[in-house]
Amino acid sequence: MVSITALWLPVLVSALFVFVASSIIHMVLALHRNDFRKVPDEDRLLDAFRTVHLRTGDYCMPFAESPKALKDPAFLDKLRRGPTVFMTVLPGRELAMGGQLAHWFVFSVVVSVFAGYIAGAALPAGAEYLQVFRFVGTTAFVGYTMGFYPQSIWYKRPWVLQLKNTFDGLVYGLLTAGVFGWLWPSP
């Protein structure tokens, strides 16, 4: 067994590698550039949203406030007429991603901590590279990937987005596994 404190270096280095890889995937390869589509008559729709003063948060339209409301004829009519909308509202702001990038790095550290913890509980110091790679890679892949699938199952996000996210998670998992295999403590 290897304690998580003995794995601080592979945790941080793997999070850094994932951070760089995600920057390449998103900014250089632009794999996710078409994940969202433009709304027709965007200005008119944004003006309409401004008039109702939506706070930051997630919204659903039409919305049923209770299980009983799901059977209300007025609600059912709204569903039939469509569209159904799931949306996230953010406040107006300048385009600055520093905070989000910092949170992404912290998330990558957390995934690496869990991957390291699981591998450390299963493997001794001096374990073979491929053993470490297998435990860490599988755990990191799950950490970076599986949370996206419910978005397609429940909210009808396009499945192609989940395939792209799975590709990202595979790259991140392989990088994390490689770093841990490389920096795994000796006995």
Foldseek 3Di string as FASTA:
>chain_A
DADLVLCPVLLLVLLVVLLVVVCCVCPVVVVCVPLDDDDPPNVVVVVVVVVVPDDFDKDKPPDQPDPVSCPDPVRVVDVVVDDIDIDGDDDDDDPDCPVVSVVSSVLSSVLLSVLCVQLPVVDDQADALVSLLVSQLVSQLCSQADVCVVCCVPVVRDVVVSVVSSVSSNVSSNSSSNSCSVPGGHD
